[in-house]
């Protein structure tokens, strides 16, 4: 006796198509770069299509990891670059005038 194998896999429920965006590693890197450039969690989160509250939840979940440390470093470097008008090589791109 042979088994019948369907020609197509069963259709996925419609909800599977509309899954929310995830904090994949590439999105985390882009967020951290945007955070360095803008100094704003809200702006950086919007730039990667996520909410600020989602970004803060991720940071709490990853407390003590490289992501957490990089978040702090991005804000520190942004503040340093904004405080020193002569250090143009450190200044985030978004803050420079052309």
PDB file of N, CA and C in Angstrom:
ATOM      1  N   UNK A   1       0.834  -1.169   0.000  1.00  0.00           N
ATOM      2  CA  UNK A   1       0.000   0.000   0.000  1.00  0.00           C
ATOM      3  C   UNK A   1       0.888   1.244   0.000  1.00  0.00           C
ATOM      4  N   UNK A   2       0.632   2.154  -0.913  1.00  0.00           N
ATOM      5  CA  UNK A   2       1.430   3.374  -1.004  1.00  0.00           C
ATOM      6  C   UNK A   2       0.681   4.542  -0.390  1.00  0.00           C
ATOM      7  N   UNK A   3       1.454   5.478   0.124  1.00  0.00           N
ATOM      8  CA  UNK A   3       0.849   6.674   0.699  1.00  0.00           C
ATOM      9  C   UNK A   3       0.700   7.730  -0.375  1.00  0.00           C
ATOM     10  N   UNK A   4      -0.340   8.487  -0.240  1.00  0.00           N
ATOM     11  CA  UNK A   4      -0.553   9.605  -1.158  1.00  0.00           C
ATOM     12  C   UNK A   4       0.216  10.813  -0.629  1.00  0.00           C
ATOM     13  N   UNK A   5       1.072  11.390  -1.460  1.00  0.00           N
ATOM     14  CA  UNK A   5       1.827  12.583  -1.092  1.00  0.00           C
ATOM     15  C   UNK A   5       1.202  13.758  -1.832  1.00  0.00           C
ATOM     16  N   UNK A   6       0.740  14.754  -1.097  1.00  0.00           N
ATOM     17  CA  UNK A   6       0.102  15.890  -1.781  1.00  0.00           C
ATOM     18  C   UNK A   6       1.091  16.618  -2.692  1.00  0.00           C
ATOM     19  N   UNK A   7       0.586  17.139  -3.801  1.00  0.00           N
ATOM     20  CA  UNK A   7       1.424  17.842  -4.760  1.00  0.00           C
ATOM     21  C   UNK A   7       1.938  19.161  -4.189  1.00  0.00           C
ATOM     22  N   UNK A   8       1.137  19.822  -3.364  1.00  0.00           N
ATOM     23  CA  UNK A   8       1.528  21.093  -2.759  1.00  0.00           C
ATOM     24  C   UNK A   8       1.427  20.977  -1.247  1.00  0.00           C
ATOM     25  N   UNK A   9       2.287  21.694  -0.537  1.00  0.00           N
ATOM     26  CA  UNK A   9       2.140  21.687   0.915  1.00  0.00           C
ATOM     27  C   UNK A   9       0.843  22.382   1.294  1.00  0.00           C
ATOM     28  N   UNK A  10       0.286  22.053   2.447  1.00  0.00           N
ATOM     29  CA  UNK A  10      -0.949  22.711   2.847  1.00  0.00           C
ATOM     30  C   UNK A  10      -0.728  24.219   2.987  1.00  0.00           C
ATOM     31  N   UNK A  11      -1.762  24.963   2.688  1.00  0.00           N
ATOM     32  CA  UNK A  11      -1.667  26.426   2.777  1.00  0.00           C
ATOM     33  C   UNK A  11      -1.434  26.850   4.217  1.00  0.00           C
ATOM     34  N   UNK A  12      -0.585  27.864   4.371  1.00  0.00           N
ATOM     35  CA  UNK A  12      -0.320  28.415   5.696  1.00  0.00           C
ATOM     36  C   UNK A  12      -1.463  29.346   6.076  1.00  0.00           C
ATOM     37  N   UNK A  13      -1.749  29.450   7.352  1.00  0.00           N
ATOM     38  CA  UNK A  13      -2.781  30.397   7.762  1.00  0.00           C
ATOM     39  C   UNK A  13      -2.386  31.822   7.372  1.00  0.00           C
ATOM     40  N   UNK A  14      -3.358  32.660   7.100  1.00  0.00           N
ATOM     41  CA  UNK A  14      -3.092  34.029   6.669  1.00  0.00           C
ATOM     42  C   UNK A  14      -2.273  34.795   7.695  1.00  0.00           C
ATOM     43  N   UNK A  15      -2.405  34.493   8.965  1.00  0.00           N
ATOM     44  CA  UNK A  15      -1.672  35.212  10.000  1.00  0.00           C
ATOM     45  C   UNK A  15      -0.170  35.013   9.888  1.00  0.00           C
ATOM     46  N   UNK A  16       0.267  33.903   9.324  1.00  0.00           N
ATOM     47  CA  UNK A  16       1.693  33.639   9.197  1.00  0.00           C
ATOM     48  C   UNK A  16       2.363  34.644   8.262  1.00  0.00           C
ATOM     49  N   UNK A  17       1.624  35.189   7.326  1.00  0.00           N
ATOM     50  CA  UNK A  17       2.175  36.146   6.385  1.00  0.00           C
ATOM     51  C   UNK A  17       2.472  37.476   7.082  1.00  0.00           C
ATOM     52  N   UNK A  18       1.690  37.826   8.071  1.00  0.00           N
ATOM     53  CA  UNK A  18       1.800  39.133   8.719  1.00  0.00           C
ATOM     54  C   UNK A  18       2.495  39.056  10.067  1.00  0.00           C
ATOM     55  N   UNK A  19       3.528  38.255  10.181  1.00  0.00           N
ATOM     56  CA  UNK A  19       4.257  38.168  11.445  1.00  0.00           C
ATOM     57  C   UNK A  19       5.003  39.463  11.681  1.00  0.00           C
ATOM     58  N   UNK A  20       5.119  39.893  12.929  1.00  0.00           N
ATOM     59  CA  UNK A  20       5.809  41.149  13.210  1.00  0.00           C
ATOM     60  C   UNK A  20       7.301  41.038  12.915  1.00  0.00           C
ATOM     61  N   UNK A  21       7.888  42.169  12.629  1.00  0.00           N
ATOM     62  CA  UNK A  21       9.336  42.204  12.382  1.00  0.00           C
ATOM     63  C   UNK A  21      10.062  41.752  13.634  1.00  0.00           C
ATOM     64  N   UNK A  22      11.202  41.193  13.463  1.00  0.00           N
ATOM     65  CA  UNK A  22      12.016  40.689  14.579  1.00  0.00           C
ATOM     66  C   UNK A  22      13.316  41.461  14.661  1.00  0.00           C
ATOM     67  N   UNK A  23      13.918  41.414  15.824  1.00  0.00           N
ATOM     68  CA  UNK A  23      15.209  42.057  16.050  1.00  0.00           C
ATOM     69  C   UNK A  23      16.317  41.108  15.605  1.00  0.00           C
ATOM     70  N   UNK A  24      16.415  40.879  14.308  1.00  0.00           N
ATOM     71  CA  UNK A  24      17.469  40.031  13.770  1.00  0.00           C
ATOM     72  C   UNK A  24      18.812  40.756  13.926  1.00  0.00           C
ATOM     73  N   UNK A  25      19.927  40.039  13.894  1.00  0.00           N
ATOM     74  CA  UNK A  25      21.232  40.680  14.093  1.00  0.00           C
ATOM     75  C   UNK A  25      21.489  41.874  13.172  1.00  0.00           C
ATOM     76  N   UNK A  26      21.116  41.784  11.918  1.00  0.00           N
ATOM     77  CA  UNK A  26      21.335  42.903  11.000  1.00  0.00           C
ATOM     78  C   UNK A  26      20.537  44.126  11.443  1.00  0.00           C
ATOM     79  N   UNK A  27      19.329  43.930  11.914  1.00  0.00           N
ATOM     80  CA  UNK A  27      18.507  45.042  12.393  1.00  0.00           C
ATOM     81  C   UNK A  27      19.114  45.640  13.665  1.00  0.00           C
ATOM     82  N   UNK A  28      19.665  44.793  14.521  1.00  0.00           N
ATOM     83  CA  UNK A  28      20.316  45.288  15.739  1.00  0.00           C
ATOM     84  C   UNK A  28      21.509  46.165  15.375  1.00  0.00           C
ATOM     85  N   UNK A  29      22.319  45.727  14.422  1.00  0.00           N
ATOM     86  CA  UNK A  29      23.492  46.519  14.004  1.00  0.00           C
ATOM     87  C   UNK A  29      23.062  47.856  13.412  1.00  0.00           C
ATOM     88  N   UNK A  30      22.050  47.826  12.570  1.00  0.00           N
ATOM     89  CA  UNK A  30      21.562  49.056  11.956  1.00  0.00           C
ATOM     90  C   UNK A  30      21.000  49.997  13.015  1.00  0.00           C
ATOM     91  N   UNK A  31      20.283  49.437  13.993  1.00  0.00           N
ATOM     92  CA  UNK A  31      19.741  50.242  15.092  1.00  0.00           C
ATOM     93  C   UNK A  31      20.879  50.909  15.866  1.00  0.00           C
ATOM     94  N   UNK A  32      21.912  50.159  16.205  1.00  0.00           N
ATOM     95  CA  UNK A  32      23.019  50.717  16.981  1.00  0.00           C
ATOM     96  C   UNK A  32      23.753  51.805  16.203  1.00  0.00           C
ATOM     97  N   UNK A  33      23.905  51.630  14.910  1.00  0.00           N
ATOM     98  CA  UNK A  33      24.520  52.662  14.078  1.00  0.00           C
ATOM     99  C   UNK A  33      23.655  53.916  14.069  1.00  0.00           C
ATOM    100  N   UNK A  34      22.356  53.730  13.901  1.00  0.00           N
ATOM    101  CA  UNK A  34      21.428  54.868  13.912  1.00  0.00           C
ATOM    102  C   UNK A  34      21.396  55.538  15.285  1.00  0.00           C
ATOM    103  N   UNK A  35      21.521  54.753  16.342  1.00  0.00           N
ATOM    104  CA  UNK A  35      21.554  55.311  17.691  1.00  0.00           C
ATOM    105  C   UNK A  35      22.791  56.179  17.866  1.00  0.00           C
ATOM    106  N   UNK A  36      23.925  55.725  17.375  1.00  0.00           N
ATOM    107  CA  UNK A  36      25.154  56.520  17.426  1.00  0.00           C
ATOM    108  C   UNK A  36      24.986  57.816  16.634  1.00  0.00           C
ATOM    109  N   UNK A  37      24.403  57.715  15.463  1.00  0.00           N
ATOM    110  CA  UNK A  37      24.264  58.883  14.599  1.00  0.00           C
ATOM    111  C   UNK A  37      23.269  59.899  15.140  1.00  0.00           C
ATOM    112  N   UNK A  38      22.172  59.425  15.708  1.00  0.00           N
ATOM    113  CA  UNK A  38      21.104  60.335  16.133  1.00  0.00           C
ATOM    114  C   UNK A  38      21.121  60.653  17.621  1.00  0.00           C
ATOM    115  N   UNK A  39      21.597  59.720  18.436  1.00  0.00           N
ATOM    116  CA  UNK A  39      21.535  59.893  19.881  1.00  0.00           C
ATOM    117  C   UNK A  39      20.134  59.710  20.428  1.00  0.00           C
ATOM    118  N   UNK A  40      19.210  59.241  19.609  1.00  0.00           N
ATOM    119  CA  UNK A  40      17.808  59.098  19.993  1.00  0.00           C
ATOM    120  C   UNK A  40      17.331  57.663  19.786  1.00  0.00           C
ATOM    121  N   UNK A  41      16.885  57.038  20.871  1.00  0.00           N
ATOM    122  CA  UNK A  41      16.357  55.675  20.773  1.00  0.00           C
ATOM    123  C   UNK A  41      15.120  55.660  19.877  1.00  0.00           C
ATOM    124  N   UNK A  42      14.241  56.648  20.059  1.00  0.00           N
ATOM    125  CA  UNK A  42      13.005  56.688  19.269  1.00  0.00           C
ATOM    126  C   UNK A  42      13.317  56.803  17.782  1.00  0.00           C
ATOM    127  N   UNK A  43      14.214  57.703  17.433  1.00  0.00           N
ATOM    128  CA  UNK A  43      14.557  57.893  16.027  1.00  0.00           C
ATOM    129  C   UNK A  43      15.250  56.660  15.456  1.00  0.00           C
ATOM    130  N   UNK A  44      16.176  56.087  16.196  1.00  0.00           N
ATOM    131  CA  UNK A  44      16.892  54.898  15.725  1.00  0.00           C
ATOM    132  C   UNK A  44      15.932  53.724  15.534  1.00  0.00           C
ATOM    133  N   UNK A  45      15.010  53.556  16.461  1.00  0.00           N
ATOM    134  CA  UNK A  45      14.030  52.463  16.346  1.00  0.00           C
ATOM    135  C   UNK A  45      13.153  52.658  15.112  1.00  0.00           C
ATOM    136  N   UNK A  46      12.690  53.883  14.899  1.00  0.00           N
ATOM    137  CA  UNK A  46      11.859  54.153  13.716  1.00  0.00           C
ATOM    138  C   UNK A  46      12.635  53.888  12.430  1.00  0.00           C
ATOM    139  N   UNK A  47      13.928  54.180  12.443  1.00  0.00           N
ATOM    140  CA  UNK A  47      14.740  53.974  11.237  1.00  0.00           C
ATOM    141  C   UNK A  47      14.825  52.501  10.844  1.00  0.00           C
ATOM    142  N   UNK A  48      14.660  51.598  11.810  1.00  0.00           N
ATOM    143  CA  UNK A  48      14.717  50.168  11.494  1.00  0.00           C
ATOM    144  C   UNK A  48      13.335  49.520  11.518  1.00  0.00           C
ATOM    145  N   UNK A  49      12.293  50.351  11.594  1.00  0.00           N
ATOM    146  CA  UNK A  49      10.933  49.830  11.540  1.00  0.00           C
ATOM    147  C   UNK A  49      10.456  49.178  12.824  1.00  0.00           C
ATOM    148  N   UNK A  50      11.037  49.576  13.944  1.00  0.00           N
ATOM    149  CA  UNK A  50      10.646  49.015  15.237  1.00  0.00           C
ATOM    150  C   UNK A  50      10.192  50.152  16.141  1.00  0.00           C
ATOM    151  N   UNK A  51       9.573  49.803  17.255  1.00  0.00           N
ATOM    152  CA  UNK A  51       9.133  50.824  18.202  1.00  0.00           C
ATOM    153  C   UNK A  51      10.201  51.042  19.274  1.00  0.00           C
ATOM    154  N   UNK A  52      10.223  52.230  19.863  1.00  0.00           N
ATOM    155  CA  UNK A  52      11.167  52.469  20.959  1.00  0.00           C
ATOM    156  C   UNK A  52      10.953  51.503  22.127  1.00  0.00           C
ATOM    157  N   UNK A  53       9.701  51.199  22.440  1.00  0.00           N
ATOM    158  CA  UNK A  53       9.445  50.271  23.557  1.00  0.00           C
ATOM    159  C   UNK A  53       9.981  48.884  23.243  1.00  0.00           C
ATOM    160  N   UNK A  54       9.906  48.474  21.989  1.00  0.00           N
ATOM    161  CA  UNK A  54      10.461  47.185  21.589  1.00  0.00           C
ATOM    162  C   UNK A  54      11.977  47.190  21.738  1.00  0.00           C
ATOM    163  N   UNK A  55      12.609  48.310  21.399  1.00  0.00           N
ATOM    164  CA  UNK A  55      14.065  48.425  21.539  1.00  0.00           C
ATOM    165  C   UNK A  55      14.464  48.326  23.014  1.00  0.00           C
ATOM    166  N   UNK A  56      13.728  49.016  23.872  1.00  0.00           N
ATOM    167  CA  UNK A  56      14.043  48.958  25.306  1.00  0.00           C
ATOM    168  C   UNK A  56      13.818  47.548  25.876  1.00  0.00           C
ATOM    169  N   UNK A  57      12.776  46.869  25.417  1.00  0.00           N
ATOM    170  CA  UNK A  57      12.544  45.479  25.856  1.00  0.00           C
ATOM    171  C   UNK A  57      13.702  44.586  25.442  1.00  0.00           C
ATOM    172  N   UNK A  58      14.176  44.769  24.202  1.00  0.00           N
ATOM    173  CA  UNK A  58      15.303  43.977  23.727  1.00  0.00           C
ATOM    174  C   UNK A  58      16.534  44.236  24.585  1.00  0.00           C
ATOM    175  N   UNK A  59      16.783  45.492  24.911  1.00  0.00           N
ATOM    176  CA  UNK A  59      17.960  45.809  25.726  1.00  0.00           C
ATOM    177  C   UNK A  59      17.854  45.159  27.107  1.00  0.00           C
ATOM    178  N   UNK A  60      16.662  45.216  27.707  1.00  0.00           N
ATOM    179  CA  UNK A  60      16.491  44.558  29.012  1.00  0.00           C
ATOM    180  C   UNK A  60      16.717  43.058  28.901  1.00  0.00           C
ATOM    181  N   UNK A  61      16.207  42.459  27.829  1.00  0.00           N
ATOM    182  CA  UNK A  61      16.357  41.015  27.637  1.00  0.00           C
ATOM    183  C   UNK A  61      17.820  40.640  27.415  1.00  0.00           C
ATOM    184  N   UNK A  62      18.582  41.543  26.790  1.00  0.00           N
ATOM    185  CA  UNK A  62      19.983  41.263  26.489  1.00  0.00           C
ATOM    186  C   UNK A  62      20.932  41.993  27.441  1.00  0.00           C
ATOM    187  N   UNK A  63      20.475  42.311  28.617  1.00  0.00           N
ATOM    188  CA  UNK A  63      21.294  43.027  29.601  1.00  0.00           C
ATOM    189  C   UNK A  63      22.609  42.283  29.831  1.00  0.00           C
ATOM    190  N   UNK A  64      23.707  43.035  29.820  1.00  0.00           N
ATOM    191  CA  UNK A  64      25.025  42.459  30.059  1.00  0.00           C
ATOM    192  C   UNK A  64      25.686  41.871  28.830  1.00  0.00           C
ATOM    193  N   UNK A  65      25.020  41.894  27.693  1.00  0.00           N
ATOM    194  CA  UNK A  65      25.582  41.340  26.463  1.00  0.00           C
ATOM    195  C   UNK A  65      26.260  42.447  25.649  1.00  0.00           C
ATOM    196  N   UNK A  66      26.853  42.059  24.539  1.00  0.00           N
ATOM    197  CA  UNK A  66      27.502  43.027  23.657  1.00  0.00           C
ATOM    198  C   UNK A  66      26.497  44.072  23.166  1.00  0.00           C
ATOM    199  N   UNK A  67      25.271  43.663  22.894  1.00  0.00           N
ATOM    200  CA  UNK A  67      24.259  44.620  22.432  1.00  0.00           C
ATOM    201  C   UNK A  67      24.030  45.701  23.481  1.00  0.00           C
ATOM    202  N   UNK A  68      23.908  45.321  24.722  1.00  0.00           N
ATOM    203  CA  UNK A  68      23.703  46.266  25.822  1.00  0.00           C
ATOM    204  C   UNK A  68      24.896  47.221  25.935  1.00  0.00           C
ATOM    205  N   UNK A  69      26.092  46.677  25.882  1.00  0.00           N
ATOM    206  CA  UNK A  69      27.303  47.509  25.970  1.00  0.00           C
ATOM    207  C   UNK A  69      27.419  48.435  24.758  1.00  0.00           C
ATOM    208  N   UNK A  70      27.104  47.910  23.579  1.00  0.00           N
ATOM    209  CA  UNK A  70      27.186  48.730  22.370  1.00  0.00           C
ATOM    210  C   UNK A  70      26.157  49.861  22.397  1.00  0.00           C
ATOM    211  N   UNK A  71      25.002  49.609  22.990  1.00  0.00           N
ATOM    212  CA  UNK A  71      23.972  50.651  23.136  1.00  0.00           C
ATOM    213  C   UNK A  71      24.542  51.798  23.970  1.00  0.00           C
ATOM    214  N   UNK A  72      25.121  51.451  25.116  1.00  0.00           N
ATOM    215  CA  UNK A  72      25.719  52.474  25.989  1.00  0.00           C
ATOM    216  C   UNK A  72      26.846  53.210  25.276  1.00  0.00           C
ATOM    217  N   UNK A  73      27.691  52.464  24.594  1.00  0.00           N
ATOM    218  CA  UNK A  73      28.813  53.079  23.874  1.00  0.00           C
ATOM    219  C   UNK A  73      28.329  54.011  22.766  1.00  0.00           C
ATOM    220  N   UNK A  74      27.281  53.621  22.054  1.00  0.00           N
ATOM    221  CA  UNK A  74      26.753  54.464  20.977  1.00  0.00           C
ATOM    222  C   UNK A  74      26.288  55.809  21.532  1.00  0.00           C
ATOM    223  N   UNK A  75      25.593  55.784  22.654  1.00  0.00           N
ATOM    224  CA  UNK A  75      25.118  57.032  23.250  1.00  0.00           C
ATOM    225  C   UNK A  75      26.277  57.865  23.795  1.00  0.00           C
ATOM    226  N   UNK A  76      27.258  57.207  24.385  1.00  0.00           N
ATOM    227  CA  UNK A  76      28.430  57.917  24.911  1.00  0.00           C
ATOM    228  C   UNK A  76      29.209  58.575  23.779  1.00  0.00           C
ATOM    229  N   UNK A  77      29.463  57.817  22.709  1.00  0.00           N
ATOM    230  CA  UNK A  77      30.210  58.368  21.575  1.00  0.00           C
ATOM    231  C   UNK A  77      29.444  59.508  20.901  1.00  0.00           C
ATOM    232  N   UNK A  78      28.130  59.368  20.808  1.00  0.00           N
ATOM    233  CA  UNK A  78      27.324  60.437  20.229  1.00  0.00           C
ATOM    234  C   UNK A  78      27.456  61.710  21.074  1.00  0.00           C
ATOM    235  N   UNK A  79      27.334  61.572  22.374  1.00  0.00           N
ATOM    236  CA  UNK A  79      27.445  62.729  23.269  1.00  0.00           C
ATOM    237  C   UNK A  79      28.826  63.367  23.172  1.00  0.00           C
ATOM    238  N   UNK A  80      29.876  62.562  23.119  1.00  0.00           N
ATOM    239  CA  UNK A  80      31.237  63.092  22.998  1.00  0.00           C
ATOM    240  C   UNK A  80      31.413  63.846  21.687  1.00  0.00           C
ATOM    241  N   UNK A  81      30.902  63.277  20.612  1.00  0.00           N
ATOM    242  CA  UNK A  81      31.036  63.912  19.305  1.00  0.00           C
ATOM    243  C   UNK A  81      30.271  65.233  19.264  1.00  0.00           C
ATOM    244  N   UNK A  82      29.143  65.306  19.899  1.00  0.00           N
ATOM    245  CA  UNK A  82      28.355  66.531  19.905  1.00  0.00           C
ATOM    246  C   UNK A  82      28.985  67.591  20.809  1.00  0.00           C
ATOM    247  N   UNK A  83      29.709  67.167  21.843  1.00  0.00           N
ATOM    248  CA  UNK A  83      30.313  68.106  22.787  1.00  0.00           C
ATOM    249  C   UNK A  83      31.595  68.724  22.256  1.00  0.00           C
ATOM    250  N   UNK A  84      32.239  68.078  21.292  1.00  0.00           N
ATOM    251  CA  UNK A  84      33.519  68.563  20.779  1.00  0.00           C
ATOM    252  C   UNK A  84      33.355  68.969  19.320  1.00  0.00           C
ATOM    253  N   UNK A  85      33.130  70.238  19.050  1.00  0.00           N
ATOM    254  CA  UNK A  85      32.874  70.667  17.667  1.00  0.00           C
ATOM    255  C   UNK A  85      34.082  70.523  16.747  1.00  0.00           C
ATOM    256  N   UNK A  86      35.261  70.355  17.314  1.00  0.00           N
ATOM    257  CA  UNK A  86      36.465  70.239  16.493  1.00  0.00           C
ATOM    258  C   UNK A  86      36.719  68.800  16.047  1.00  0.00           C
ATOM    259  N   UNK A  87      36.222  67.858  16.786  1.00  0.00           N
ATOM    260  CA  UNK A  87      36.476  66.442  16.499  1.00  0.00           C
ATOM    261  C   UNK A  87      35.534  65.932  15.414  1.00  0.00           C
ATOM    262  N   UNK A  88      35.668  66.465  14.222  1.00  0.00           N
ATOM    263  CA  UNK A  88      34.749  66.092  13.138  1.00  0.00           C
ATOM    264  C   UNK A  88      34.869  64.634  12.737  1.00  0.00           C
ATOM    265  N   UNK A  89      36.029  64.021  12.946  1.00  0.00           N
ATOM    266  CA  UNK A  89      36.166  62.611  12.588  1.00  0.00           C
ATOM    267  C   UNK A  89      35.347  61.719  13.512  1.00  0.00           C
ATOM    268  N   UNK A  90      34.969  62.190  14.694  1.00  0.00           N
ATOM    269  CA  UNK A  90      34.139  61.413  15.611  1.00  0.00           C
ATOM    270  C   UNK A  90      32.659  61.735  15.471  1.00  0.00           C
ATOM    271  N   UNK A  91      32.362  62.846  14.840  1.00  0.00           N
ATOM    272  CA  UNK A  91      30.974  63.308  14.783  1.00  0.00           C
ATOM    273  C   UNK A  91      30.123  62.357  13.946  1.00  0.00           C
ATOM    274  N   UNK A  92      28.962  61.966  14.457  1.00  0.00           N
ATOM    275  CA  UNK A  92      28.067  61.112  13.686  1.00  0.00           C
ATOM    276  C   UNK A  92      27.666  61.795  12.378  1.00  0.00           C
ATOM    277  N   UNK A  93      27.475  61.023  11.346  1.00  0.00           N
ATOM    278  CA  UNK A  93      27.142  61.558  10.029  1.00  0.00           C
ATOM    279  C   UNK A  93      25.878  62.396  10.050  1.00  0.00           C
ATOM    280  N   UNK A  94      24.858  61.969  10.786  1.00  0.00           N
ATOM    281  CA  UNK A  94      23.588  62.655  10.795  1.00  0.00           C
ATOM    282  C   UNK A  94      23.709  64.056  11.395  1.00  0.00           C
ATOM    283  N   UNK A  95      24.742  64.300  12.199  1.00  0.00           N
ATOM    284  CA  UNK A  95      24.873  65.575  12.874  1.00  0.00           C
ATOM    285  C   UNK A  95      25.798  66.546  12.143  1.00  0.00           C
ATOM    286  N   UNK A  96      26.473  66.095  11.105  1.00  0.00           N
ATOM    287  CA  UNK A  96      27.400  66.973  10.414  1.00  0.00           C
ATOM    288  C   UNK A  96      26.646  67.851   9.421  1.00  0.00           C
ATOM    289  N   UNK A  97      27.186  69.030   9.194  1.00  0.00           N
ATOM    290  CA  UNK A  97      26.609  69.934   8.199  1.00  0.00           C
ATOM    291  C   UNK A  97      27.433  69.832   6.931  1.00  0.00           C
ATOM    292  N   UNK A  98      26.753  69.891   5.830  1.00  0.00           N
ATOM    293  CA  UNK A  98      27.455  69.803   4.542  1.00  0.00           C
ATOM    294  C   UNK A  98      27.296  71.078   3.786  1.00  0.00           C
TER     295      UNK A  98
END
